[in-house]
């Protein structure tokens, strides 16, 4: 079952007082993109959230799209590290799948603004930037498919199509970023445990 793991510091919370200008811009962009969407967000919105003038954005980022790319890439890389760790901590495919679903769900709760941008705004990137992010997404999908295939191989899972099942499982997690709000009276751990349980039932694990 899911192994306990320290909760990451949410990027979407207020940055520390000594945060760098780039960190403040990334935080402000995550908040604005998650709230308004990429197209409706202006550089003035981002600069204001970071306590800068609009010109201050361009000192560090060449465009609004470049800021989205940096935010999207760092978010995907963070999620990829989390998935690798969740799998490494599981001695069996059942443990690995439960860890992945629980921890990735918790990440989508604790970093819900970044997760919302990572999962729903990446299609606004340039073709080159989108290709780089898509490669990270494919690697994440491959990790989940690998867990499913190992579970089928040792008889723990009943899965007809590992690709379709991986898509379904990741969709459950990704959707957390869409509906989650801090007003919801469920902890990250509760949401993670629920999704882990759903995942195990989906692949035919009875306990």
N, C-alpha and C. Protein backbone atom coordinates (compact mmCIF):
# COMPACT_ATOMS: atom_id res chain seq x y z
N UNK A 1 0.85 -1.20 0.00
CA UNK A 1 0.00 0.00 0.00
C UNK A 1 0.88 1.25 0.00
N UNK A 2 0.30 2.45 -0.18
CA UNK A 2 1.13 3.65 -0.29
C UNK A 2 2.05 3.84 0.91
N UNK A 3 3.30 4.13 0.64
CA UNK A 3 4.26 4.41 1.69
C UNK A 3 4.21 5.89 2.05
N UNK A 4 4.37 6.24 3.34
CA UNK A 4 4.33 7.66 3.72
C UNK A 4 5.47 8.43 3.07
N UNK A 5 5.19 9.64 2.70
CA UNK A 5 6.21 10.48 2.08
C UNK A 5 6.01 11.91 2.53
N UNK A 6 7.08 12.65 2.77
CA UNK A 6 6.91 14.05 3.18
C UNK A 6 6.20 14.83 2.10
N UNK A 7 5.33 15.73 2.53
CA UNK A 7 4.61 16.57 1.57
C UNK A 7 5.54 17.63 1.01
N UNK A 8 5.56 17.80 -0.35
CA UNK A 8 6.39 18.84 -0.93
C UNK A 8 5.85 20.22 -0.60
N UNK A 9 6.71 21.20 -0.62
CA UNK A 9 6.26 22.57 -0.40
C UNK A 9 5.51 23.05 -1.62
N UNK A 10 4.24 23.40 -1.48
CA UNK A 10 3.47 23.80 -2.66
C UNK A 10 4.02 25.05 -3.31
N UNK A 11 4.24 24.97 -4.62
CA UNK A 11 4.71 26.14 -5.35
C UNK A 11 3.66 27.23 -5.34
N UNK A 12 2.39 26.83 -5.24
CA UNK A 12 1.30 27.79 -5.36
C UNK A 12 1.03 28.59 -4.09
N UNK A 13 1.76 28.31 -3.00
CA UNK A 13 1.59 29.11 -1.81
C UNK A 13 2.41 30.39 -1.96
N UNK A 14 2.26 31.31 -1.01
CA UNK A 14 3.04 32.54 -1.07
C UNK A 14 4.52 32.21 -1.03
N UNK A 15 5.33 32.77 -1.94
CA UNK A 15 6.76 32.49 -1.92
C UNK A 15 7.39 33.13 -0.69
N UNK A 16 8.52 32.59 -0.22
CA UNK A 16 9.18 33.18 0.94
C UNK A 16 9.63 34.61 0.64
N UNK A 17 9.83 35.37 1.71
CA UNK A 17 10.19 36.78 1.55
C UNK A 17 11.51 36.95 0.80
N UNK A 18 12.40 35.96 0.91
CA UNK A 18 13.71 36.07 0.26
C UNK A 18 13.74 35.36 -1.09
N UNK A 19 12.57 35.04 -1.65
CA UNK A 19 12.52 34.35 -2.94
C UNK A 19 13.15 35.22 -4.03
N UNK A 20 13.79 34.57 -4.98
CA UNK A 20 14.40 35.32 -6.08
C UNK A 20 13.31 35.91 -6.97
N UNK A 21 13.70 36.86 -7.80
CA UNK A 21 12.74 37.48 -8.72
C UNK A 21 12.15 36.44 -9.66
N UNK A 22 12.98 35.52 -10.15
CA UNK A 22 12.49 34.47 -11.04
C UNK A 22 11.45 33.60 -10.32
N UNK A 23 11.73 33.24 -9.07
CA UNK A 23 10.77 32.44 -8.31
C UNK A 23 9.46 33.19 -8.12
N UNK A 24 9.55 34.49 -7.85
CA UNK A 24 8.33 35.27 -7.67
C UNK A 24 7.53 35.34 -8.97
N UNK A 25 8.23 35.47 -10.08
CA UNK A 25 7.56 35.50 -11.38
C UNK A 25 6.91 34.15 -11.68
N UNK A 26 7.59 33.07 -11.37
CA UNK A 26 7.04 31.74 -11.61
C UNK A 26 5.79 31.52 -10.75
N UNK A 27 5.86 31.95 -9.50
CA UNK A 27 4.71 31.83 -8.62
C UNK A 27 3.54 32.65 -9.14
N UNK A 28 3.81 33.89 -9.53
CA UNK A 28 2.74 34.77 -10.02
C UNK A 28 2.15 34.22 -11.32
N UNK A 29 2.99 33.66 -12.18
CA UNK A 29 2.50 33.10 -13.43
C UNK A 29 1.63 31.88 -13.17
N UNK A 30 2.04 31.02 -12.25
CA UNK A 30 1.23 29.84 -11.92
C UNK A 30 -0.15 30.26 -11.43
N UNK A 31 -0.18 31.26 -10.57
CA UNK A 31 -1.45 31.74 -10.03
C UNK A 31 -2.32 32.32 -11.14
N UNK A 32 -1.73 33.13 -12.00
CA UNK A 32 -2.51 33.81 -13.04
C UNK A 32 -2.97 32.84 -14.12
N UNK A 33 -2.08 31.97 -14.58
CA UNK A 33 -2.45 31.02 -15.62
C UNK A 33 -3.52 30.05 -15.12
N UNK A 34 -3.40 29.62 -13.86
CA UNK A 34 -4.40 28.70 -13.31
C UNK A 34 -5.75 29.38 -13.15
N UNK A 35 -5.71 30.66 -12.82
CA UNK A 35 -6.96 31.39 -12.56
C UNK A 35 -7.64 31.86 -13.84
N UNK A 36 -6.86 32.39 -14.78
CA UNK A 36 -7.42 33.02 -15.98
C UNK A 36 -7.21 32.22 -17.26
N UNK A 37 -6.23 31.32 -17.25
CA UNK A 37 -5.82 30.68 -18.49
C UNK A 37 -4.71 31.49 -19.14
N UNK A 38 -3.98 30.84 -20.05
CA UNK A 38 -2.82 31.48 -20.66
C UNK A 38 -3.19 32.72 -21.46
N UNK A 39 -4.16 32.61 -22.36
CA UNK A 39 -4.47 33.71 -23.26
C UNK A 39 -5.03 34.93 -22.53
N UNK A 40 -5.82 34.70 -21.50
CA UNK A 40 -6.44 35.83 -20.78
C UNK A 40 -5.48 36.50 -19.81
N UNK A 41 -4.36 35.85 -19.51
CA UNK A 41 -3.37 36.43 -18.60
C UNK A 41 -2.46 37.39 -19.36
N UNK A 42 -2.22 38.55 -18.78
CA UNK A 42 -1.31 39.52 -19.39
C UNK A 42 0.01 39.54 -18.62
N UNK A 43 1.04 40.07 -19.26
CA UNK A 43 2.31 40.22 -18.55
C UNK A 43 2.16 41.19 -17.38
N UNK A 44 1.22 42.12 -17.50
CA UNK A 44 0.95 43.03 -16.38
C UNK A 44 0.42 42.26 -15.18
N UNK A 45 -0.46 41.27 -15.42
CA UNK A 45 -0.98 40.43 -14.34
C UNK A 45 0.17 39.73 -13.62
N UNK A 46 1.07 39.16 -14.40
CA UNK A 46 2.19 38.40 -13.82
C UNK A 46 3.13 39.33 -13.07
N UNK A 47 3.46 40.46 -13.68
CA UNK A 47 4.36 41.42 -13.03
C UNK A 47 3.77 41.93 -11.73
N UNK A 48 2.48 42.25 -11.75
CA UNK A 48 1.81 42.74 -10.55
C UNK A 48 1.86 41.71 -9.44
N UNK A 49 1.63 40.43 -9.79
CA UNK A 49 1.67 39.38 -8.79
C UNK A 49 3.05 39.18 -8.20
N UNK A 50 4.08 39.54 -8.97
CA UNK A 50 5.46 39.39 -8.49
C UNK A 50 6.00 40.67 -7.87
N UNK A 51 5.19 41.72 -7.86
CA UNK A 51 5.64 42.99 -7.30
C UNK A 51 6.61 43.73 -8.19
N UNK A 52 6.43 43.59 -9.51
CA UNK A 52 7.33 44.23 -10.47
C UNK A 52 6.54 45.09 -11.45
N UNK A 53 7.25 45.90 -12.21
CA UNK A 53 6.63 46.60 -13.32
C UNK A 53 6.54 45.64 -14.49
N UNK A 54 5.64 45.86 -15.45
CA UNK A 54 5.53 44.96 -16.60
C UNK A 54 6.86 44.74 -17.31
N UNK A 55 7.69 45.77 -17.39
CA UNK A 55 8.99 45.61 -18.05
C UNK A 55 9.89 44.63 -17.30
N UNK A 56 9.66 44.46 -16.00
CA UNK A 56 10.48 43.57 -15.20
C UNK A 56 10.39 42.12 -15.63
N UNK A 57 9.25 41.73 -16.24
CA UNK A 57 9.10 40.35 -16.70
C UNK A 57 10.13 40.04 -17.77
N UNK A 58 10.33 40.99 -18.68
CA UNK A 58 11.19 40.75 -19.84
C UNK A 58 12.67 40.77 -19.51
N UNK A 59 13.02 41.17 -18.30
CA UNK A 59 14.41 41.08 -17.87
C UNK A 59 14.80 39.61 -17.71
N UNK A 60 13.83 38.77 -17.34
CA UNK A 60 14.10 37.37 -17.03
C UNK A 60 13.51 36.40 -18.04
N UNK A 61 12.44 36.79 -18.73
CA UNK A 61 11.79 35.91 -19.70
C UNK A 61 11.49 36.71 -20.96
N UNK A 62 11.79 36.10 -22.11
CA UNK A 62 11.62 36.82 -23.36
C UNK A 62 10.18 37.02 -23.77
N UNK A 63 9.28 36.20 -23.21
CA UNK A 63 7.86 36.31 -23.58
C UNK A 63 7.02 35.61 -22.53
N UNK A 64 5.72 35.81 -22.63
CA UNK A 64 4.79 35.11 -21.74
C UNK A 64 4.85 33.61 -22.00
N UNK A 65 5.02 33.24 -23.27
CA UNK A 65 5.11 31.81 -23.62
C UNK A 65 6.34 31.18 -23.01
N UNK A 66 7.45 31.90 -22.98
CA UNK A 66 8.67 31.36 -22.38
C UNK A 66 8.49 31.12 -20.90
N UNK A 67 7.74 32.00 -20.25
CA UNK A 67 7.46 31.80 -18.83
C UNK A 67 6.60 30.54 -18.64
N UNK A 68 5.59 30.38 -19.50
CA UNK A 68 4.74 29.18 -19.44
C UNK A 68 5.58 27.93 -19.66
N UNK A 69 6.51 27.99 -20.61
CA UNK A 69 7.35 26.84 -20.90
C UNK A 69 8.19 26.47 -19.68
N UNK A 70 8.83 27.44 -19.06
CA UNK A 70 9.65 27.15 -17.88
C UNK A 70 8.82 26.58 -16.74
N UNK A 71 7.64 27.11 -16.56
CA UNK A 71 6.75 26.61 -15.52
C UNK A 71 6.29 25.19 -15.85
N UNK A 72 5.92 24.97 -17.10
CA UNK A 72 5.45 23.66 -17.52
C UNK A 72 6.56 22.61 -17.44
N UNK A 73 7.74 22.98 -17.91
CA UNK A 73 8.85 22.03 -17.88
C UNK A 73 9.23 21.67 -16.45
N UNK A 74 9.35 22.67 -15.58
CA UNK A 74 9.75 22.39 -14.19
C UNK A 74 8.68 21.57 -13.48
N UNK A 75 7.41 21.84 -13.78
CA UNK A 75 6.33 21.08 -13.17
C UNK A 75 6.35 19.63 -13.62
N UNK A 76 6.56 19.38 -14.91
CA UNK A 76 6.62 18.02 -15.41
C UNK A 76 7.84 17.28 -14.85
N UNK A 77 8.96 17.97 -14.75
CA UNK A 77 10.16 17.34 -14.20
C UNK A 77 9.95 16.97 -12.73
N UNK A 78 9.28 17.84 -11.98
CA UNK A 78 8.98 17.55 -10.58
C UNK A 78 8.07 16.33 -10.47
N UNK A 79 7.05 16.28 -11.31
CA UNK A 79 6.12 15.14 -11.30
C UNK A 79 6.83 13.85 -11.70
N UNK A 80 7.74 13.93 -12.65
CA UNK A 80 8.46 12.75 -13.09
C UNK A 80 9.35 12.20 -11.97
N UNK A 81 10.01 13.09 -11.25
CA UNK A 81 10.82 12.64 -10.11
C UNK A 81 9.95 11.96 -9.06
N UNK A 82 8.78 12.53 -8.84
CA UNK A 82 7.86 11.96 -7.85
C UNK A 82 7.44 10.55 -8.26
N UNK A 83 7.10 10.35 -9.54
CA UNK A 83 6.69 9.03 -10.01
C UNK A 83 7.82 8.01 -9.88
N UNK A 84 9.02 8.42 -10.24
CA UNK A 84 10.16 7.50 -10.12
C UNK A 84 10.37 7.08 -8.67
N UNK A 85 10.26 8.05 -7.76
CA UNK A 85 10.44 7.74 -6.35
C UNK A 85 9.34 6.83 -5.82
N UNK A 86 8.11 7.08 -6.26
CA UNK A 86 6.99 6.26 -5.81
C UNK A 86 7.16 4.81 -6.25
N UNK A 87 7.66 4.62 -7.47
CA UNK A 87 7.87 3.27 -7.98
C UNK A 87 9.05 2.61 -7.27
N UNK A 88 10.11 3.35 -7.06
CA UNK A 88 11.29 2.79 -6.40
C UNK A 88 10.98 2.34 -4.98
N UNK A 89 10.04 2.99 -4.32
CA UNK A 89 9.70 2.66 -2.94
C UNK A 89 8.75 1.48 -2.82
N UNK A 90 8.24 0.97 -3.94
CA UNK A 90 7.29 -0.14 -3.88
C UNK A 90 7.94 -1.47 -4.19
N UNK A 91 7.91 -2.44 -3.29
CA UNK A 91 8.54 -3.74 -3.54
C UNK A 91 7.80 -4.61 -4.55
N UNK A 92 6.51 -4.35 -4.77
CA UNK A 92 5.72 -5.14 -5.72
C UNK A 92 4.97 -4.18 -6.64
N UNK A 93 4.50 -4.66 -7.81
CA UNK A 93 3.70 -3.80 -8.69
C UNK A 93 2.47 -3.22 -7.99
N UNK A 94 1.84 -4.00 -7.11
CA UNK A 94 0.68 -3.49 -6.38
C UNK A 94 1.05 -2.30 -5.52
N UNK A 95 2.16 -2.42 -4.79
CA UNK A 95 2.64 -1.31 -3.97
C UNK A 95 3.02 -0.12 -4.84
N UNK A 96 3.67 -0.41 -5.97
CA UNK A 96 4.11 0.66 -6.85
C UNK A 96 2.92 1.44 -7.41
N UNK A 97 1.88 0.74 -7.84
CA UNK A 97 0.72 1.42 -8.40
C UNK A 97 0.01 2.24 -7.33
N UNK A 98 -0.13 1.67 -6.14
CA UNK A 98 -0.77 2.40 -5.05
C UNK A 98 0.03 3.66 -4.70
N UNK A 99 1.36 3.52 -4.65
CA UNK A 99 2.21 4.68 -4.36
C UNK A 99 2.06 5.76 -5.43
N UNK A 100 2.11 5.35 -6.69
CA UNK A 100 1.99 6.30 -7.79
C UNK A 100 0.69 7.07 -7.71
N UNK A 101 -0.42 6.36 -7.54
CA UNK A 101 -1.72 7.02 -7.53
C UNK A 101 -1.88 7.92 -6.32
N UNK A 102 -1.43 7.46 -5.16
CA UNK A 102 -1.57 8.25 -3.94
C UNK A 102 -0.71 9.51 -3.99
N UNK A 103 0.56 9.33 -4.31
CA UNK A 103 1.48 10.47 -4.26
C UNK A 103 1.23 11.47 -5.39
N UNK A 104 0.91 10.95 -6.57
CA UNK A 104 0.66 11.86 -7.69
C UNK A 104 -0.63 12.63 -7.46
N UNK A 105 -1.62 11.99 -6.84
CA UNK A 105 -2.86 12.70 -6.50
C UNK A 105 -2.58 13.78 -5.46
N UNK A 106 -1.78 13.43 -4.45
CA UNK A 106 -1.43 14.42 -3.42
C UNK A 106 -0.71 15.61 -4.04
N UNK A 107 0.18 15.33 -4.98
CA UNK A 107 0.91 16.42 -5.67
C UNK A 107 -0.07 17.34 -6.38
N UNK A 108 -1.09 16.79 -7.01
CA UNK A 108 -2.07 17.61 -7.72
C UNK A 108 -2.92 18.44 -6.77
N UNK A 109 -3.03 17.99 -5.53
CA UNK A 109 -3.75 18.77 -4.52
C UNK A 109 -2.83 19.86 -3.96
N UNK A 110 -1.66 19.46 -3.51
CA UNK A 110 -0.76 20.38 -2.82
C UNK A 110 -0.20 21.45 -3.75
N UNK A 111 -0.11 21.13 -5.04
CA UNK A 111 0.41 22.09 -6.01
C UNK A 111 -0.65 22.32 -7.10
N UNK A 112 -1.88 22.49 -6.66
CA UNK A 112 -2.98 22.46 -7.62
C UNK A 112 -2.90 23.55 -8.68
N UNK A 113 -2.36 24.71 -8.35
CA UNK A 113 -2.26 25.75 -9.38
C UNK A 113 -1.21 25.39 -10.42
N UNK A 114 -0.05 24.96 -9.97
CA UNK A 114 0.98 24.51 -10.91
C UNK A 114 0.46 23.32 -11.71
N UNK A 115 -0.18 22.37 -11.04
CA UNK A 115 -0.70 21.18 -11.72
C UNK A 115 -1.74 21.56 -12.78
N UNK A 116 -2.56 22.53 -12.47
CA UNK A 116 -3.58 22.97 -13.44
C UNK A 116 -2.91 23.54 -14.69
N UNK A 117 -1.84 24.28 -14.50
CA UNK A 117 -1.11 24.84 -15.63
C UNK A 117 -0.39 23.72 -16.40
N UNK A 118 0.28 22.84 -15.65
CA UNK A 118 1.03 21.75 -16.26
C UNK A 118 0.12 20.86 -17.12
N UNK A 119 -1.06 20.57 -16.61
CA UNK A 119 -1.92 19.61 -17.29
C UNK A 119 -2.81 20.22 -18.36
N UNK A 120 -3.16 21.50 -18.24
CA UNK A 120 -4.18 22.06 -19.13
C UNK A 120 -3.72 23.22 -20.01
N UNK A 121 -2.52 23.73 -19.81
CA UNK A 121 -2.09 24.90 -20.58
C UNK A 121 -0.92 24.62 -21.52
N UNK A 122 -0.38 23.42 -21.49
CA UNK A 122 0.82 23.14 -22.28
C UNK A 122 0.58 23.22 -23.79
N UNK A 123 -0.68 23.10 -24.23
CA UNK A 123 -0.96 23.17 -25.67
C UNK A 123 -0.79 24.59 -26.23
N UNK A 124 -0.57 25.57 -25.36
CA UNK A 124 -0.31 26.94 -25.82
C UNK A 124 1.17 27.18 -26.12
N UNK A 125 2.01 26.18 -25.89
CA UNK A 125 3.44 26.33 -26.13
C UNK A 125 3.75 26.30 -27.62
N UNK A 126 4.91 26.83 -27.99
CA UNK A 126 5.37 26.73 -29.37
C UNK A 126 5.60 25.25 -29.70
N UNK A 127 5.62 24.89 -30.97
CA UNK A 127 5.84 23.48 -31.33
C UNK A 127 7.11 22.89 -30.72
N UNK A 128 8.19 23.66 -30.70
CA UNK A 128 9.45 23.16 -30.14
C UNK A 128 9.33 22.93 -28.64
N UNK A 129 8.77 23.89 -27.94
CA UNK A 129 8.61 23.75 -26.50
C UNK A 129 7.60 22.65 -26.16
N UNK A 130 6.55 22.57 -26.94
CA UNK A 130 5.54 21.53 -26.68
C UNK A 130 6.13 20.14 -26.88
N UNK A 131 6.99 19.98 -27.87
CA UNK A 131 7.63 18.68 -28.10
C UNK A 131 8.48 18.27 -26.90
N UNK A 132 9.17 19.23 -26.29
CA UNK A 132 10.00 18.92 -25.12
C UNK A 132 9.14 18.49 -23.94
N UNK A 133 8.04 19.18 -23.73
CA UNK A 133 7.13 18.82 -22.64
C UNK A 133 6.45 17.50 -22.93
N UNK A 134 6.07 17.28 -24.19
CA UNK A 134 5.40 16.04 -24.56
C UNK A 134 6.30 14.84 -24.31
N UNK A 135 7.60 15.00 -24.51
CA UNK A 135 8.53 13.91 -24.24
C UNK A 135 8.52 13.53 -22.75
N UNK A 136 8.41 14.53 -21.89
CA UNK A 136 8.32 14.26 -20.45
C UNK A 136 7.01 13.55 -20.12
N UNK A 137 5.92 13.97 -20.75
CA UNK A 137 4.62 13.34 -20.51
C UNK A 137 4.63 11.88 -20.98
N UNK A 138 5.28 11.62 -22.09
CA UNK A 138 5.36 10.24 -22.59
C UNK A 138 6.19 9.37 -21.64
N UNK A 139 7.22 9.97 -21.05
CA UNK A 139 8.03 9.22 -20.09
C UNK A 139 7.22 8.88 -18.85
N UNK A 140 6.40 9.81 -18.39
CA UNK A 140 5.53 9.54 -17.25
C UNK A 140 4.54 8.42 -17.57
N UNK A 141 3.94 8.48 -18.75
CA UNK A 141 3.02 7.44 -19.18
C UNK A 141 3.73 6.09 -19.25
N UNK A 142 4.96 6.09 -19.75
CA UNK A 142 5.72 4.86 -19.85
C UNK A 142 6.00 4.23 -18.49
N UNK A 143 6.24 5.06 -17.48
CA UNK A 143 6.47 4.54 -16.13
C UNK A 143 5.23 3.82 -15.60
N UNK A 144 4.07 4.40 -15.80
CA UNK A 144 2.83 3.78 -15.33
C UNK A 144 2.55 2.50 -16.11
N UNK A 145 2.75 2.54 -17.41
CA UNK A 145 2.56 1.34 -18.21
C UNK A 145 3.50 0.22 -17.77
N UNK A 146 4.72 0.59 -17.41
CA UNK A 146 5.66 -0.41 -16.93
C UNK A 146 5.18 -1.10 -15.67
N UNK A 147 4.62 -0.33 -14.74
CA UNK A 147 4.07 -0.91 -13.51
C UNK A 147 2.94 -1.88 -13.86
N UNK A 148 2.06 -1.47 -14.75
CA UNK A 148 0.94 -2.34 -15.14
C UNK A 148 1.44 -3.63 -15.78
N UNK A 149 2.40 -3.53 -16.66
CA UNK A 149 2.91 -4.71 -17.35
C UNK A 149 3.60 -5.67 -16.39
N UNK A 150 4.31 -5.13 -15.40
CA UNK A 150 4.92 -6.00 -14.39
C UNK A 150 3.85 -6.68 -13.53
N UNK A 151 2.78 -5.94 -13.23
CA UNK A 151 1.71 -6.52 -12.45
C UNK A 151 0.98 -7.64 -13.20
N UNK A 152 0.80 -7.45 -14.50
CA UNK A 152 0.18 -8.50 -15.32
C UNK A 152 1.10 -9.72 -15.39
N UNK A 153 2.40 -9.47 -15.55
CA UNK A 153 3.37 -10.56 -15.70
C UNK A 153 3.43 -11.43 -14.45
N UNK A 154 3.28 -10.84 -13.25
CA UNK A 154 3.36 -11.66 -12.04
C UNK A 154 1.98 -12.11 -11.54
N UNK A 155 0.93 -11.82 -12.33
CA UNK A 155 -0.41 -12.31 -11.99
C UNK A 155 -1.18 -11.45 -11.00
N UNK A 156 -0.62 -10.31 -10.62
CA UNK A 156 -1.32 -9.46 -9.64
C UNK A 156 -2.44 -8.64 -10.27
N UNK A 157 -2.28 -8.27 -11.56
CA UNK A 157 -3.26 -7.40 -12.22
C UNK A 157 -3.96 -8.14 -13.35
N UNK A 158 -5.20 -7.75 -13.58
CA UNK A 158 -5.94 -8.21 -14.76
C UNK A 158 -6.18 -6.99 -15.62
N UNK A 159 -5.38 -6.86 -16.68
CA UNK A 159 -5.42 -5.69 -17.55
C UNK A 159 -5.38 -6.16 -19.00
N UNK A 160 -6.35 -5.77 -19.79
CA UNK A 160 -6.39 -6.18 -21.19
C UNK A 160 -5.49 -5.32 -22.07
N UNK A 161 -5.41 -4.02 -21.77
CA UNK A 161 -4.61 -3.10 -22.58
C UNK A 161 -3.91 -2.14 -21.63
N UNK A 162 -2.59 -2.28 -21.53
CA UNK A 162 -1.86 -1.45 -20.56
C UNK A 162 -1.87 0.02 -20.94
N UNK A 163 -1.87 0.33 -22.25
CA UNK A 163 -1.88 1.74 -22.68
C UNK A 163 -3.19 2.42 -22.31
N UNK A 164 -4.32 1.75 -22.60
CA UNK A 164 -5.62 2.33 -22.27
C UNK A 164 -5.79 2.45 -20.76
N UNK A 165 -5.33 1.46 -20.03
CA UNK A 165 -5.47 1.49 -18.57
C UNK A 165 -4.60 2.57 -17.96
N UNK A 166 -3.39 2.74 -18.46
CA UNK A 166 -2.52 3.81 -17.96
C UNK A 166 -3.16 5.17 -18.21
N UNK A 167 -3.77 5.34 -19.39
CA UNK A 167 -4.45 6.59 -19.70
C UNK A 167 -5.60 6.85 -18.73
N UNK A 168 -6.36 5.81 -18.43
CA UNK A 168 -7.49 5.95 -17.50
C UNK A 168 -7.00 6.32 -16.10
N UNK A 169 -5.95 5.67 -15.65
CA UNK A 169 -5.43 5.93 -14.31
C UNK A 169 -4.87 7.35 -14.20
N UNK A 170 -4.09 7.75 -15.19
CA UNK A 170 -3.53 9.09 -15.16
C UNK A 170 -4.62 10.15 -15.29
N UNK A 171 -5.69 9.84 -16.01
CA UNK A 171 -6.79 10.79 -16.15
C UNK A 171 -7.48 11.03 -14.81
N UNK A 172 -7.58 9.99 -13.98
CA UNK A 172 -8.16 10.14 -12.65
C UNK A 172 -7.34 11.15 -11.84
N UNK A 173 -6.02 11.02 -11.93
CA UNK A 173 -5.13 11.90 -11.17
C UNK A 173 -5.15 13.32 -11.72
N UNK A 174 -5.01 13.44 -13.03
CA UNK A 174 -4.96 14.76 -13.66
C UNK A 174 -6.22 15.56 -13.37
N UNK A 175 -7.35 14.89 -13.31
CA UNK A 175 -8.62 15.59 -13.10
C UNK A 175 -8.69 16.26 -11.73
N UNK A 176 -7.85 15.81 -10.79
CA UNK A 176 -7.83 16.43 -9.46
C UNK A 176 -7.50 17.91 -9.59
N UNK A 177 -6.58 18.25 -10.48
CA UNK A 177 -6.19 19.66 -10.65
C UNK A 177 -7.34 20.50 -11.16
N UNK A 178 -8.29 19.89 -11.86
CA UNK A 178 -9.43 20.63 -12.40
C UNK A 178 -10.44 20.96 -11.30
N UNK A 179 -10.77 19.95 -10.44
CA UNK A 179 -11.86 20.17 -9.50
C UNK A 179 -11.42 20.59 -8.10
N UNK A 180 -10.13 20.41 -7.78
CA UNK A 180 -9.72 20.69 -6.41
C UNK A 180 -9.76 22.19 -6.10
N UNK A 181 -10.17 22.50 -4.89
CA UNK A 181 -10.14 23.85 -4.34
C UNK A 181 -9.76 23.76 -2.87
N UNK A 182 -9.04 24.73 -2.33
CA UNK A 182 -8.68 24.70 -0.91
C UNK A 182 -9.90 24.67 0.02
N UNK A 183 -11.08 25.01 -0.51
CA UNK A 183 -12.29 24.97 0.31
C UNK A 183 -12.81 23.55 0.52
N UNK A 184 -12.30 22.60 -0.25
CA UNK A 184 -12.74 21.21 -0.13
C UNK A 184 -12.21 20.62 1.17
N UNK A 185 -13.09 20.00 1.93
CA UNK A 185 -12.72 19.48 3.25
C UNK A 185 -12.21 18.04 3.15
N UNK A 186 -11.24 17.84 2.30
CA UNK A 186 -10.58 16.53 2.19
C UNK A 186 -9.09 16.79 2.10
N UNK A 187 -8.32 16.05 2.85
CA UNK A 187 -6.88 16.26 2.88
C UNK A 187 -6.24 15.63 1.64
N UNK A 188 -5.03 16.06 1.31
CA UNK A 188 -4.31 15.42 0.19
C UNK A 188 -4.19 13.91 0.39
N UNK A 189 -3.94 13.49 1.63
CA UNK A 189 -3.79 12.07 1.92
C UNK A 189 -5.09 11.30 1.68
N UNK A 190 -6.22 11.91 2.04
CA UNK A 190 -7.50 11.25 1.82
C UNK A 190 -7.79 11.09 0.33
N UNK A 191 -7.53 12.15 -0.43
CA UNK A 191 -7.76 12.09 -1.87
C UNK A 191 -6.81 11.07 -2.51
N UNK A 192 -5.56 11.07 -2.07
CA UNK A 192 -4.61 10.10 -2.60
C UNK A 192 -5.00 8.67 -2.29
N UNK A 193 -5.45 8.42 -1.07
CA UNK A 193 -5.85 7.06 -0.68
C UNK A 193 -7.06 6.60 -1.48
N UNK A 194 -8.00 7.50 -1.71
CA UNK A 194 -9.18 7.15 -2.51
C UNK A 194 -8.79 6.76 -3.92
N UNK A 195 -7.92 7.54 -4.54
CA UNK A 195 -7.52 7.25 -5.92
C UNK A 195 -6.66 6.00 -6.01
N UNK A 196 -5.84 5.74 -4.99
CA UNK A 196 -5.06 4.51 -4.97
C UNK A 196 -5.99 3.30 -4.90
N UNK A 197 -7.01 3.40 -4.08
CA UNK A 197 -7.97 2.30 -3.95
C UNK A 197 -8.73 2.07 -5.26
N UNK A 198 -9.13 3.16 -5.90
CA UNK A 198 -9.82 3.05 -7.19
C UNK A 198 -8.93 2.36 -8.22
N UNK A 199 -7.67 2.74 -8.24
CA UNK A 199 -6.73 2.18 -9.22
C UNK A 199 -6.57 0.68 -9.02
N UNK A 200 -6.42 0.25 -7.78
CA UNK A 200 -6.23 -1.18 -7.52
C UNK A 200 -7.47 -1.98 -7.92
N UNK A 201 -8.64 -1.42 -7.66
CA UNK A 201 -9.86 -2.12 -8.09
C UNK A 201 -9.94 -2.18 -9.62
N UNK A 202 -9.49 -1.12 -10.28
CA UNK A 202 -9.55 -1.07 -11.74
C UNK A 202 -8.68 -2.15 -12.38
N UNK A 203 -7.58 -2.50 -11.73
CA UNK A 203 -6.70 -3.52 -12.31
C UNK A 203 -6.95 -4.90 -11.71
N UNK A 204 -8.01 -5.02 -10.92
CA UNK A 204 -8.42 -6.34 -10.44
C UNK A 204 -7.79 -6.81 -9.15
N UNK A 205 -7.22 -5.90 -8.37
CA UNK A 205 -6.67 -6.29 -7.07
C UNK A 205 -7.81 -6.28 -6.07
N UNK A 206 -8.01 -7.40 -5.38
CA UNK A 206 -9.18 -7.53 -4.52
C UNK A 206 -8.99 -6.92 -3.14
N UNK A 207 -7.73 -6.71 -2.73
CA UNK A 207 -7.49 -6.16 -1.39
C UNK A 207 -6.61 -4.93 -1.50
